């Protein structure tokens, strides 16, 4: 279960956050009651940019195959 804390508390207790992160699994930092960012253990983070990009579904942007097709088209390669 995520733990929610204010940005001020995060700054003040940054060095203590390791234990809180182990217990909670993730920490959501709030600013003016709105999520600002999330801290997660390194082991839970995606290992590279493509892994993270593939985990996000965004239908407004072309996928890697579409980008490759566009690049080949621009270069005149078929």
PDB file of N, CA and C in Angstrom:
ATOM      1  N   UNK A   1       0.839  -1.177   0.000  1.00  0.00           N
ATOM      2  CA  UNK A   1       0.000   0.000   0.000  1.00  0.00           C
ATOM      3  C   UNK A   1       0.886   1.242   0.000  1.00  0.00           C
ATOM      4  N   UNK A   2       0.567   2.176  -0.859  1.00  0.00           N
ATOM      5  CA  UNK A   2       1.366   3.390  -0.977  1.00  0.00           C
ATOM      6  C   UNK A   2       1.225   4.257   0.269  1.00  0.00           C
ATOM      7  N   UNK A   3       2.285   4.968   0.555  1.00  0.00           N
ATOM      8  CA  UNK A   3       2.263   5.931   1.659  1.00  0.00           C
ATOM      9  C   UNK A   3       2.261   7.322   1.045  1.00  0.00           C
ATOM     10  N   UNK A   4       1.415   8.194   1.522  1.00  0.00           N
ATOM     11  CA  UNK A   4       1.301   9.549   1.010  1.00  0.00           C
ATOM     12  C   UNK A   4       1.890  10.522   2.026  1.00  0.00           C
ATOM     13  N   UNK A   5       2.788  11.389   1.535  1.00  0.00           N
ATOM     14  CA  UNK A   5       3.391  12.396   2.409  1.00  0.00           C
ATOM     15  C   UNK A   5       3.497  13.711   1.645  1.00  0.00           C
ATOM     16  N   UNK A   6       3.637  14.787   2.396  1.00  0.00           N
ATOM     17  CA  UNK A   6       3.785  16.099   1.772  1.00  0.00           C
ATOM     18  C   UNK A   6       5.221  16.282   1.277  1.00  0.00           C
ATOM     19  N   UNK A   7       5.387  17.186   0.327  1.00  0.00           N
ATOM     20  CA  UNK A   7       6.712  17.483  -0.195  1.00  0.00           C
ATOM     21  C   UNK A   7       7.622  18.017   0.919  1.00  0.00           C
ATOM     22  N   UNK A   8       7.063  18.805   1.817  1.00  0.00           N
ATOM     23  CA  UNK A   8       7.841  19.346   2.932  1.00  0.00           C
ATOM     24  C   UNK A   8       8.347  18.219   3.829  1.00  0.00           C
ATOM     25  N   UNK A   9       7.462  17.281   4.175  1.00  0.00           N
ATOM     26  CA  UNK A   9       7.872  16.153   5.009  1.00  0.00           C
ATOM     27  C   UNK A   9       8.919  15.300   4.294  1.00  0.00           C
ATOM     28  N   UNK A  10       8.760  15.128   2.981  1.00  0.00           N
ATOM     29  CA  UNK A  10       9.732  14.352   2.212  1.00  0.00           C
ATOM     30  C   UNK A  10      11.109  14.993   2.285  1.00  0.00           C
ATOM     31  N   UNK A  11      11.166  16.306   2.107  1.00  0.00           N
ATOM     32  CA  UNK A  11      12.460  17.009   2.187  1.00  0.00           C
ATOM     33  C   UNK A  11      13.068  16.875   3.577  1.00  0.00           C
ATOM     34  N   UNK A  12      12.252  17.016   4.604  1.00  0.00           N
ATOM     35  CA  UNK A  12      12.759  16.979   5.972  1.00  0.00           C
ATOM     36  C   UNK A  12      13.207  15.578   6.387  1.00  0.00           C
ATOM     37  N   UNK A  13      12.526  14.557   5.910  1.00  0.00           N
ATOM     38  CA  UNK A  13      12.799  13.192   6.348  1.00  0.00           C
ATOM     39  C   UNK A  13      13.414  12.328   5.247  1.00  0.00           C
ATOM     40  N   UNK A  14      14.048  12.942   4.272  1.00  0.00           N
ATOM     41  CA  UNK A  14      14.577  12.207   3.130  1.00  0.00           C
ATOM     42  C   UNK A  14      15.445  11.022   3.541  1.00  0.00           C
ATOM     43  N   UNK A  15      16.332  11.224   4.490  1.00  0.00           N
ATOM     44  CA  UNK A  15      17.236  10.143   4.898  1.00  0.00           C
ATOM     45  C   UNK A  15      16.495   9.005   5.595  1.00  0.00           C
ATOM     46  N   UNK A  16      15.335   9.273   6.172  1.00  0.00           N
ATOM     47  CA  UNK A  16      14.542   8.236   6.838  1.00  0.00           C
ATOM     48  C   UNK A  16      13.604   7.502   5.882  1.00  0.00           C
ATOM     49  N   UNK A  17      13.496   7.967   4.674  1.00  0.00           N
ATOM     50  CA  UNK A  17      12.525   7.417   3.734  1.00  0.00           C
ATOM     51  C   UNK A  17      12.840   5.986   3.301  1.00  0.00           C
ATOM     52  N   UNK A  18      14.070   5.536   3.446  1.00  0.00           N
ATOM     53  CA  UNK A  18      14.442   4.180   3.030  1.00  0.00           C
ATOM     54  C   UNK A  18      13.609   3.150   3.775  1.00  0.00           C
ATOM     55  N   UNK A  19      13.505   3.292   5.071  1.00  0.00           N
ATOM     56  CA  UNK A  19      12.719   2.348   5.858  1.00  0.00           C
ATOM     57  C   UNK A  19      11.236   2.435   5.503  1.00  0.00           C
ATOM     58  N   UNK A  20      10.752   3.659   5.308  1.00  0.00           N
ATOM     59  CA  UNK A  20       9.349   3.825   4.930  1.00  0.00           C
ATOM     60  C   UNK A  20       9.072   3.188   3.576  1.00  0.00           C
ATOM     61  N   UNK A  21      10.026   3.306   2.673  1.00  0.00           N
ATOM     62  CA  UNK A  21       9.876   2.727   1.337  1.00  0.00           C
ATOM     63  C   UNK A  21       9.851   1.207   1.402  1.00  0.00           C
ATOM     64  N   UNK A  22      10.689   0.632   2.255  1.00  0.00           N
ATOM     65  CA  UNK A  22      10.686  -0.824   2.428  1.00  0.00           C
ATOM     66  C   UNK A  22       9.338  -1.310   2.948  1.00  0.00           C
ATOM     67  N   UNK A  23       8.764  -0.568   3.892  1.00  0.00           N
ATOM     68  CA  UNK A  23       7.494  -0.957   4.493  1.00  0.00           C
ATOM     69  C   UNK A  23       6.315  -0.730   3.547  1.00  0.00           C
ATOM     70  N   UNK A  24       6.267   0.434   2.917  1.00  0.00           N
ATOM     71  CA  UNK A  24       5.101   0.813   2.117  1.00  0.00           C
ATOM     72  C   UNK A  24       5.158   0.279   0.689  1.00  0.00           C
ATOM     73  N   UNK A  25       6.351   0.088   0.140  1.00  0.00           N
ATOM     74  CA  UNK A  25       6.468  -0.349  -1.251  1.00  0.00           C
ATOM     75  C   UNK A  25       6.555   0.801  -2.226  1.00  0.00           C
ATOM     76  N   UNK A  26       5.904   1.894  -1.920  1.00  0.00           N
ATOM     77  CA  UNK A  26       6.019   3.108  -2.720  1.00  0.00           C
ATOM     78  C   UNK A  26       5.569   4.292  -1.882  1.00  0.00           C
ATOM     79  N   UNK A  27       6.121   5.461  -2.213  1.00  0.00           N
ATOM     80  CA  UNK A  27       5.777   6.683  -1.507  1.00  0.00           C
ATOM     81  C   UNK A  27       5.316   7.700  -2.540  1.00  0.00           C
ATOM     82  N   UNK A  28       4.131   8.258  -2.332  1.00  0.00           N
ATOM     83  CA  UNK A  28       3.606   9.285  -3.214  1.00  0.00           C
ATOM     84  C   UNK A  28       3.778  10.624  -2.500  1.00  0.00           C
ATOM     85  N   UNK A  29       4.495  11.526  -3.152  1.00  0.00           N
ATOM     86  CA  UNK A  29       4.766  12.842  -2.564  1.00  0.00           C
ATOM     87  C   UNK A  29       3.731  13.828  -3.100  1.00  0.00           C
ATOM     88  N   UNK A  30       3.092  14.532  -2.182  1.00  0.00           N
ATOM     89  CA  UNK A  30       2.018  15.454  -2.525  1.00  0.00           C
ATOM     90  C   UNK A  30       2.450  16.904  -2.344  1.00  0.00           C
ATOM     91  N   UNK A  31       1.956  17.746  -3.220  1.00  0.00           N
ATOM     92  CA  UNK A  31       2.141  19.188  -3.068  1.00  0.00           C
ATOM     93  C   UNK A  31       0.770  19.820  -3.241  1.00  0.00           C
ATOM     94  N   UNK A  32       0.322  20.506  -2.216  1.00  0.00           N
ATOM     95  CA  UNK A  32      -1.023  21.098  -2.192  1.00  0.00           C
ATOM     96  C   UNK A  32      -2.091  20.041  -2.449  1.00  0.00           C
ATOM     97  N   UNK A  33      -1.917  18.906  -1.806  1.00  0.00           N
ATOM     98  CA  UNK A  33      -2.859  17.773  -1.856  1.00  0.00           C
ATOM     99  C   UNK A  33      -2.961  17.111  -3.226  1.00  0.00           C
ATOM    100  N   UNK A  34      -2.012  17.382  -4.108  1.00  0.00           N
ATOM    101  CA  UNK A  34      -1.995  16.743  -5.424  1.00  0.00           C
ATOM    102  C   UNK A  34      -0.705  15.949  -5.584  1.00  0.00           C
ATOM    103  N   UNK A  35      -0.783  14.779  -6.213  1.00  0.00           N
ATOM    104  CA  UNK A  35       0.432  13.971  -6.405  1.00  0.00           C
ATOM    105  C   UNK A  35       1.467  14.731  -7.223  1.00  0.00           C
ATOM    106  N   UNK A  36       2.692  14.748  -6.729  1.00  0.00           N
ATOM    107  CA  UNK A  36       3.791  15.423  -7.406  1.00  0.00           C
ATOM    108  C   UNK A  36       4.699  14.405  -8.080  1.00  0.00           C
ATOM    109  N   UNK A  37       5.081  13.363  -7.341  1.00  0.00           N
ATOM    110  CA  UNK A  37       5.856  12.261  -7.896  1.00  0.00           C
ATOM    111  C   UNK A  37       5.749  11.056  -6.987  1.00  0.00           C
ATOM    112  N   UNK A  38       6.214   9.912  -7.511  1.00  0.00           N
ATOM    113  CA  UNK A  38       6.148   8.662  -6.768  1.00  0.00           C
ATOM    114  C   UNK A  38       7.557   8.098  -6.662  1.00  0.00           C
ATOM    115  N   UNK A  39       7.912   7.632  -5.476  1.00  0.00           N
ATOM    116  CA  UNK A  39       9.198   6.995  -5.225  1.00  0.00           C
ATOM    117  C   UNK A  39       8.932   5.502  -5.098  1.00  0.00           C
ATOM    118  N   UNK A  40       9.659   4.707  -5.884  1.00  0.00           N
ATOM    119  CA  UNK A  40       9.502   3.256  -5.828  1.00  0.00           C
ATOM    120  C   UNK A  40      10.872   2.622  -5.663  1.00  0.00           C
ATOM    121  N   UNK A  41      10.934   1.406  -5.126  1.00  0.00           N
ATOM    122  CA  UNK A  41      12.225   0.729  -5.017  1.00  0.00           C
ATOM    123  C   UNK A  41      12.839   0.500  -6.399  1.00  0.00           C
ATOM    124  N   UNK A  42      14.138   0.541  -6.483  1.00  0.00           N
ATOM    125  CA  UNK A  42      14.844   0.383  -7.752  1.00  0.00           C
ATOM    126  C   UNK A  42      14.478  -0.925  -8.438  1.00  0.00           C
ATOM    127  N   UNK A  43      14.267  -1.973  -7.660  1.00  0.00           N
ATOM    128  CA  UNK A  43      13.951  -3.279  -8.230  1.00  0.00           C
ATOM    129  C   UNK A  43      12.628  -3.269  -8.994  1.00  0.00           C
ATOM    130  N   UNK A  44      11.736  -2.344  -8.666  1.00  0.00           N
ATOM    131  CA  UNK A  44      10.438  -2.265  -9.328  1.00  0.00           C
ATOM    132  C   UNK A  44      10.459  -1.356 -10.550  1.00  0.00           C
ATOM    133  N   UNK A  45      11.556  -0.656 -10.764  1.00  0.00           N
ATOM    134  CA  UNK A  45      11.648   0.266 -11.891  1.00  0.00           C
ATOM    135  C   UNK A  45      11.980  -0.496 -13.168  1.00  0.00           C
ATOM    136  N   UNK A  46      11.478   0.012 -14.294  1.00  0.00           N
ATOM    137  CA  UNK A  46      11.807  -0.587 -15.590  1.00  0.00           C
ATOM    138  C   UNK A  46      13.309  -0.461 -15.843  1.00  0.00           C
ATOM    139  N   UNK A  47      13.877  -1.454 -16.504  1.00  0.00           N
ATOM    140  CA  UNK A  47      15.323  -1.480 -16.674  1.00  0.00           C
ATOM    141  C   UNK A  47      15.819  -0.546 -17.760  1.00  0.00           C
ATOM    142  N   UNK A  48      14.998  -0.241 -18.725  1.00  0.00           N
ATOM    143  CA  UNK A  48      15.447   0.716 -19.740  1.00  0.00           C
ATOM    144  C   UNK A  48      14.265   1.499 -20.298  1.00  0.00           C
ATOM    145  N   UNK A  49      14.565   2.461 -21.118  1.00  0.00           N
ATOM    146  CA  UNK A  49      13.556   3.369 -21.636  1.00  0.00           C
ATOM    147  C   UNK A  49      12.506   2.650 -22.475  1.00  0.00           C
ATOM    148  N   UNK A  50      12.910   1.689 -23.291  1.00  0.00           N
ATOM    149  CA  UNK A  50      11.945   0.987 -24.136  1.00  0.00           C
ATOM    150  C   UNK A  50      10.970   0.172 -23.309  1.00  0.00           C
ATOM    151  N   UNK A  51      11.441  -0.415 -22.212  1.00  0.00           N
ATOM    152  CA  UNK A  51      10.535  -1.144 -21.329  1.00  0.00           C
ATOM    153  C   UNK A  51       9.491  -0.203 -20.753  1.00  0.00           C
ATOM    154  N   UNK A  52       9.937   0.973 -20.326  1.00  0.00           N
ATOM    155  CA  UNK A  52       8.998   1.936 -19.763  1.00  0.00           C
ATOM    156  C   UNK A  52       8.046   2.450 -20.828  1.00  0.00           C
ATOM    157  N   UNK A  53       8.564   2.698 -22.026  1.00  0.00           N
ATOM    158  CA  UNK A  53       7.718   3.207 -23.103  1.00  0.00           C
ATOM    159  C   UNK A  53       6.674   2.182 -23.515  1.00  0.00           C
ATOM    160  N   UNK A  54       7.041   0.917 -23.530  1.00  0.00           N
ATOM    161  CA  UNK A  54       6.084  -0.110 -23.932  1.00  0.00           C
ATOM    162  C   UNK A  54       5.026  -0.348 -22.861  1.00  0.00           C
ATOM    163  N   UNK A  55       5.318   0.030 -21.626  1.00  0.00           N
ATOM    164  CA  UNK A  55       4.363  -0.158 -20.539  1.00  0.00           C
ATOM    165  C   UNK A  55       3.262   0.904 -20.561  1.00  0.00           C
ATOM    166  N   UNK A  56       3.508   2.000 -21.248  1.00  0.00           N
ATOM    167  CA  UNK A  56       2.540   3.095 -21.316  1.00  0.00           C
ATOM    168  C   UNK A  56       1.797   3.016 -22.637  1.00  0.00           C
ATOM    169  N   UNK A  57       0.486   2.962 -22.551  1.00  0.00           N
ATOM    170  CA  UNK A  57      -0.317   2.939 -23.763  1.00  0.00           C
ATOM    171  C   UNK A  57      -0.703   4.367 -24.129  1.00  0.00           C
ATOM    172  N   UNK A  58      -0.224   4.818 -25.268  1.00  0.00           N
ATOM    173  CA  UNK A  58      -0.534   6.154 -25.755  1.00  0.00           C
ATOM    174  C   UNK A  58      -0.854   6.034 -27.232  1.00  0.00           C
ATOM    175  N   UNK A  59      -2.108   6.022 -27.564  1.00  0.00           N
ATOM    176  CA  UNK A  59      -2.531   5.831 -28.941  1.00  0.00           C
ATOM    177  C   UNK A  59      -2.302   7.054 -29.814  1.00  0.00           C
ATOM    178  N   UNK A  60      -1.909   8.165 -29.215  1.00  0.00           N
ATOM    179  CA  UNK A  60      -1.676   9.375 -30.001  1.00  0.00           C
ATOM    180  C   UNK A  60      -0.284   9.410 -30.599  1.00  0.00           C
ATOM    181  N   UNK A  61       0.597   8.516 -30.159  1.00  0.00           N
ATOM    182  CA  UNK A  61       1.972   8.481 -30.668  1.00  0.00           C
ATOM    183  C   UNK A  61       2.217   7.170 -31.398  1.00  0.00           C
ATOM    184  N   UNK A  62       3.014   7.214 -32.458  1.00  0.00           N
ATOM    185  CA  UNK A  62       3.278   5.978 -33.207  1.00  0.00           C
ATOM    186  C   UNK A  62       4.146   5.012 -32.404  1.00  0.00           C
ATOM    187  N   UNK A  63       3.964   3.712 -32.644  1.00  0.00           N
ATOM    188  CA  UNK A  63       4.805   2.716 -31.994  1.00  0.00           C
ATOM    189  C   UNK A  63       6.129   2.598 -32.751  1.00  0.00           C
ATOM    190  N   UNK A  64       7.039   1.753 -32.278  1.00  0.00           N
ATOM    191  CA  UNK A  64       8.366   1.650 -32.889  1.00  0.00           C
ATOM    192  C   UNK A  64       8.308   1.173 -34.334  1.00  0.00           C
ATOM    193  N   UNK A  65       7.386   0.276 -34.658  1.00  0.00           N
ATOM    194  CA  UNK A  65       7.259  -0.188 -36.039  1.00  0.00           C
ATOM    195  C   UNK A  65       6.807   0.946 -36.949  1.00  0.00           C
ATOM    196  N   UNK A  66       5.878   1.755 -36.473  1.00  0.00           N
ATOM    197  CA  UNK A  66       5.408   2.894 -37.258  1.00  0.00           C
ATOM    198  C   UNK A  66       6.526   3.918 -37.446  1.00  0.00           C
ATOM    199  N   UNK A  67       7.316   4.157 -36.431  1.00  0.00           N
ATOM    200  CA  UNK A  67       8.451   5.082 -36.549  1.00  0.00           C
ATOM    201  C   UNK A  67       9.452   4.555 -37.565  1.00  0.00           C
ATOM    202  N   UNK A  68       9.741   3.270 -37.516  1.00  0.00           N
ATOM    203  CA  UNK A  68      10.661   2.657 -38.466  1.00  0.00           C
ATOM    204  C   UNK A  68      10.135   2.803 -39.888  1.00  0.00           C
ATOM    205  N   UNK A  69       8.845   2.574 -40.079  1.00  0.00           N
ATOM    206  CA  UNK A  69       8.245   2.709 -41.410  1.00  0.00           C
ATOM    207  C   UNK A  69       8.376   4.145 -41.909  1.00  0.00           C
ATOM    208  N   UNK A  70       8.129   5.116 -41.051  1.00  0.00           N
ATOM    209  CA  UNK A  70       8.222   6.531 -41.432  1.00  0.00           C
ATOM    210  C   UNK A  70       9.655   6.891 -41.802  1.00  0.00           C
ATOM    211  N   UNK A  71      10.627   6.445 -41.003  1.00  0.00           N
ATOM    212  CA  UNK A  71      12.037   6.734 -41.279  1.00  0.00           C
ATOM    213  C   UNK A  71      12.454   6.137 -42.620  1.00  0.00           C
ATOM    214  N   UNK A  72      12.068   4.898 -42.861  1.00  0.00           N
ATOM    215  CA  UNK A  72      12.409   4.251 -44.140  1.00  0.00           C
ATOM    216  C   UNK A  72      11.747   4.962 -45.308  1.00  0.00           C
ATOM    217  N   UNK A  73      10.530   5.418 -45.114  1.00  0.00           N
ATOM    218  CA  UNK A  73       9.832   6.145 -46.150  1.00  0.00           C
ATOM    219  C   UNK A  73      10.529   7.462 -46.469  1.00  0.00           C
ATOM    220  N   UNK A  74      10.954   8.166 -45.411  1.00  0.00           N
ATOM    221  CA  UNK A  74      11.663   9.441 -45.614  1.00  0.00           C
ATOM    222  C   UNK A  74      13.006   9.248 -46.304  1.00  0.00           C
ATOM    223  N   UNK A  75      13.671   8.141 -46.016  1.00  0.00           N
ATOM    224  CA  UNK A  75      14.974   7.853 -46.620  1.00  0.00           C
ATOM    225  C   UNK A  75      14.830   7.265 -48.021  1.00  0.00           C
ATOM    226  N   UNK A  76      13.628   6.913 -48.403  1.00  0.00           N
ATOM    227  CA  UNK A  76      13.403   6.318 -49.715  1.00  0.00           C
ATOM    228  C   UNK A  76      13.732   4.850 -49.766  1.00  0.00           C
ATOM    229  N   UNK A  77      13.767   4.190 -48.620  1.00  0.00           N
ATOM    230  CA  UNK A  77      14.076   2.757 -48.532  1.00  0.00           C
ATOM    231  C   UNK A  77      12.755   2.011 -48.397  1.00  0.00           C
ATOM    232  N   UNK A  78      12.636   0.932 -49.141  1.00  0.00           N
ATOM    233  CA  UNK A  78      11.413   0.135 -49.014  1.00  0.00           C
ATOM    234  C   UNK A  78      11.693  -1.234 -48.528  1.00  0.00           C
TER     235      UNK A  78
END
